Amino acid sequence: MVIRLLERFPGFPEPLGAKPAFLIYGLLALGVPLLLAWFVVRVRISVALFGR
């Protein structure tokens, strides 16, 4: 999906190649779990689910 979005830019894949896609994948792979963990702590979902 990220590659398809980047293909819309006239200069893709030159000169950067697929590096922007890998950067976006990396940020999503690290960011989504961290954001989800922060959200769970912030909303205190674990307390509601597990009673602790």
C-alpha atoms as a PDB file:
ATOM      1  CA  MET A   1       0.000   0.000   0.000  1.00  0.00           C
ATOM      2  CA  VAL A   2       2.817   2.404   0.828  1.00  0.00           C
ATOM      3  CA  ILE A   3       4.554   1.612  -2.462  1.00  0.00           C
ATOM      4  CA  ARG A   4       1.331   2.356  -4.361  1.00  0.00           C
ATOM      5  CA  LEU A   5       1.041   5.719  -2.641  1.00  0.00           C
ATOM      6  CA  LEU A   6       4.653   6.551  -3.430  1.00  0.00           C
ATOM      7  CA  GLU A   7       4.198   5.515  -7.082  1.00  0.00           C
ATOM      8  CA  ARG A   8       1.827   8.453  -7.514  1.00  0.00           C
ATOM      9  CA  PHE A   9       4.738  10.855  -7.119  1.00  0.00           C
ATOM     10  CA  PRO A  10       6.255  11.658 -10.516  1.00  0.00           C
ATOM     11  CA  GLY A  11       9.851  11.085  -9.386  1.00  0.00           C
ATOM     12  CA  PHE A  12       9.332   7.697  -7.738  1.00  0.00           C
ATOM     13  CA  PRO A  13      11.339   5.450  -7.625  1.00  0.00           C
ATOM     14  CA  GLU A  14      14.187   7.726  -8.738  1.00  0.00           C
ATOM     15  CA  PRO A  15      16.471   8.829  -7.057  1.00  0.00           C
ATOM     16  CA  LEU A  16      15.443   7.547  -3.620  1.00  0.00           C
ATOM     17  CA  GLY A  17      14.308   4.103  -4.686  1.00  0.00           C
ATOM     18  CA  ALA A  18      12.274   2.174  -2.143  1.00  0.00           C
ATOM     19  CA  LYS A  19      13.960   3.761   0.890  1.00  0.00           C
ATOM     20  CA  PRO A  20      10.965   6.002   1.684  1.00  0.00           C
ATOM     21  CA  ALA A  21       8.690   2.957   1.711  1.00  0.00           C
ATOM     22  CA  PHE A  22      10.982   1.075   4.082  1.00  0.00           C
ATOM     23  CA  LEU A  23      11.197   4.137   6.318  1.00  0.00           C
ATOM     24  CA  ILE A  24       7.411   4.380   6.447  1.00  0.00           C
ATOM     25  CA  TYR A  25       7.121   0.635   7.138  1.00  0.00           C
ATOM     26  CA  GLY A  26       9.676   0.952   9.926  1.00  0.00           C
ATOM     27  CA  LEU A  27       7.908   3.887  11.512  1.00  0.00           C
ATOM     28  CA  LEU A  28       4.587   2.077  11.346  1.00  0.00           C
ATOM     29  CA  ALA A  29       6.076  -1.132  12.736  1.00  0.00           C
ATOM     30  CA  LEU A  30       7.500   0.734  15.716  1.00  0.00           C
ATOM     31  CA  GLY A  31       4.909   3.462  16.080  1.00  0.00           C
ATOM     32  CA  VAL A  32       1.666   1.501  15.996  1.00  0.00           C
ATOM     33  CA  PRO A  33       2.538  -0.881  18.879  1.00  0.00           C
ATOM     34  CA  LEU A  34       3.922   1.985  20.960  1.00  0.00           C
ATOM     35  CA  LEU A  35       0.842   4.099  20.279  1.00  0.00           C
ATOM     36  CA  LEU A  36      -1.415   1.177  21.137  1.00  0.00           C
ATOM     37  CA  ALA A  37       0.484   0.533  24.381  1.00  0.00           C
ATOM     38  CA  TRP A  38       0.273   4.205  25.321  1.00  0.00           C
ATOM     39  CA  PHE A  39      -3.457   4.211  24.543  1.00  0.00           C
ATOM     40  CA  VAL A  40      -4.075   1.093  26.659  1.00  0.00           C
ATOM     41  CA  VAL A  41      -2.247   2.636  29.620  1.00  0.00           C
ATOM     42  CA  ARG A  42      -3.927   6.008  29.159  1.00  0.00           C
ATOM     43  CA  VAL A  43      -7.455   4.623  28.942  1.00  0.00           C
ATOM     44  CA  ARG A  44      -6.746   1.955  31.580  1.00  0.00           C
ATOM     45  CA  ILE A  45      -8.211  -0.809  29.425  1.00  0.00           C
ATOM     46  CA  SER A  46      -6.166  -3.472  31.200  1.00  0.00           C
ATOM     47  CA  VAL A  47      -7.841  -2.541  34.495  1.00  0.00           C
ATOM     48  CA  ALA A  48     -11.257  -2.895  32.905  1.00  0.00           C
ATOM     49  CA  LEU A  49     -10.393  -6.220  31.263  1.00  0.00           C
ATOM     50  CA  PHE A  50      -8.298  -7.915  33.919  1.00  0.00           C
ATOM     51  CA  GLY A  51      -9.262  -6.101  37.117  1.00  0.00           C
ATOM     52  CA  ARG A  52      -5.707  -5.200  38.069  1.00  0.00           C
END
